[in-house]
Amino acid sequence: MLAVVKIAGQQFKVSKDQTLYVPQLSGNAGDKVEFAEVLLLDNNGSLTAGADVKAVVKAEIVDHLQGDKVIAFKMKRRKGFRKKIGHRTHFTKIKINEIA
């Protein structure tokens, strides 16, 4: 069984027992979360899409972590202007338990 689900404004293709990294979700490690906005459902070859999908994706929060550092370096030539800034995006690792 396969589903396309919308999590925090982004679409993910998920299946049972899959782990994936999504933008940071509220909750602690070990908490259960449900995603009701399922856009497409593939149930052994029969596709259901749009408003006809009546499915819920149940997952468990595994961990909260940060991505790699992204560095933005700005420079204006011949002026001596240099600016180095960076950030690390926050992610949540989740494990898909059930597509019902």
Protein backbone atom coordinates (compact mmCIF):
# COMPACT_ATOMS: atom_id res chain seq x y z
CA MET A 1 0.00 0.00 0.00
CA LEU A 2 1.29 3.41 -0.99
CA ALA A 3 0.03 6.92 -0.23
CA VAL A 4 0.89 10.50 -1.10
CA VAL A 5 0.35 12.60 2.01
CA LYS A 6 0.74 16.30 2.73
CA ILE A 7 2.89 16.95 5.79
CA ALA A 8 3.72 20.52 6.86
CA GLY A 9 2.96 21.90 3.40
CA GLN A 10 5.04 19.35 1.49
CA GLN A 11 3.98 16.18 -0.31
CA PHE A 12 5.61 12.84 0.54
CA LYS A 13 5.19 9.39 -0.96
CA VAL A 14 5.00 6.97 1.96
CA SER A 15 4.53 3.27 2.60
CA LYS A 16 4.26 1.16 5.76
CA ASP A 17 7.41 0.88 7.96
CA GLN A 18 9.17 3.68 6.07
CA THR A 19 11.21 6.33 7.91
CA LEU A 20 11.50 9.83 6.50
CA TYR A 21 12.62 13.31 7.42
CA VAL A 22 9.94 16.01 7.41
CA PRO A 23 10.00 19.68 8.45
CA GLN A 24 9.90 20.04 12.22
CA LEU A 25 6.67 18.87 13.86
CA SER A 26 5.48 19.66 17.36
CA GLY A 27 5.64 16.78 19.81
CA ASN A 28 8.23 14.71 21.60
CA ALA A 29 10.05 11.57 20.54
CA GLY A 30 7.75 8.59 20.87
CA ASP A 31 4.54 10.57 20.28
CA LYS A 32 2.01 9.29 17.76
CA VAL A 33 0.84 11.63 14.98
CA GLU A 34 -1.85 11.30 12.32
CA PHE A 35 -1.96 12.87 8.89
CA ALA A 36 -5.48 13.11 7.47
CA GLU A 37 -4.62 15.01 4.28
CA VAL A 38 -4.00 12.03 1.98
CA LEU A 39 -3.91 13.08 -1.68
CA LEU A 40 -3.51 9.70 -3.38
CA LEU A 41 -3.89 6.10 -2.27
CA ASP A 42 -2.61 3.02 -4.12
CA ASN A 43 -4.20 -0.08 -2.62
CA ASN A 44 -2.62 -3.00 -4.54
CA GLY A 45 -3.18 -1.48 -7.97
CA SER A 46 -6.45 0.39 -7.38
CA LEU A 47 -5.79 4.12 -7.34
CA THR A 48 -7.94 6.59 -5.42
CA ALA A 49 -7.25 10.30 -5.71
CA GLY A 50 -8.72 13.63 -4.72
CA ALA A 51 -11.72 14.05 -2.44
CA ASP A 52 -12.59 10.32 -2.68
CA VAL A 53 -9.65 9.35 -0.48
CA LYS A 54 -10.85 8.50 3.04
CA ALA A 55 -7.56 7.39 4.56
CA VAL A 56 -5.39 8.39 7.51
CA VAL A 57 -1.63 7.90 7.80
CA LYS A 58 -0.48 7.07 11.33
CA ALA A 59 3.14 7.67 12.27
CA GLU A 60 5.45 7.90 15.26
CA ILE A 61 7.99 10.64 15.96
CA VAL A 62 11.43 9.03 16.23
CA ASP A 63 13.72 12.03 16.74
CA HIS A 64 14.20 15.77 16.23
CA LEU A 65 17.43 16.83 14.51
CA GLN A 66 19.08 19.47 12.38
CA GLY A 67 20.19 19.30 8.78
CA ASP A 68 23.57 20.22 7.38
CA LYS A 69 24.75 23.80 7.66
CA VAL A 70 23.85 26.00 4.69
CA ILE A 71 26.25 28.92 4.24
CA ALA A 72 25.33 32.10 2.38
CA PHE A 73 28.39 34.21 1.58
CA LYS A 74 27.78 37.70 0.22
CA MET A 75 30.55 39.83 -1.21
CA LYS A 76 30.82 43.05 -3.18
CA ARG A 77 33.94 43.24 -5.26
CA ARG A 78 36.46 46.03 -4.68
CA LYS A 79 34.50 47.37 -1.68
CA GLY A 80 35.74 45.19 1.14
CA PHE A 81 32.20 44.04 1.93
CA ARG A 82 31.98 40.43 3.04
CA LYS A 83 29.15 38.85 4.98
CA LYS A 84 28.96 35.18 5.96
CA ILE A 85 25.72 33.88 7.40
CA GLY A 86 24.33 30.39 7.74
CA HIS A 87 21.60 28.26 9.20
CA ARG A 88 20.68 24.66 9.95
CA THR A 89 17.16 23.54 9.10
CA HIS A 90 15.23 21.64 11.78
CA PHE A 91 13.81 18.25 10.79
CA THR A 92 11.73 15.55 12.46
CA LYS A 93 12.39 11.88 11.75
CA ILE A 94 9.15 9.91 11.62
CA LYS A 95 8.29 6.24 11.06
CA ILE A 96 5.10 5.36 9.21
CA ASN A 97 3.22 2.73 11.25
CA GLU A 98 -0.05 2.35 9.36
CA ILE A 99 -2.01 3.57 6.34
CA ALA A 100 -5.69 3.10 7.14
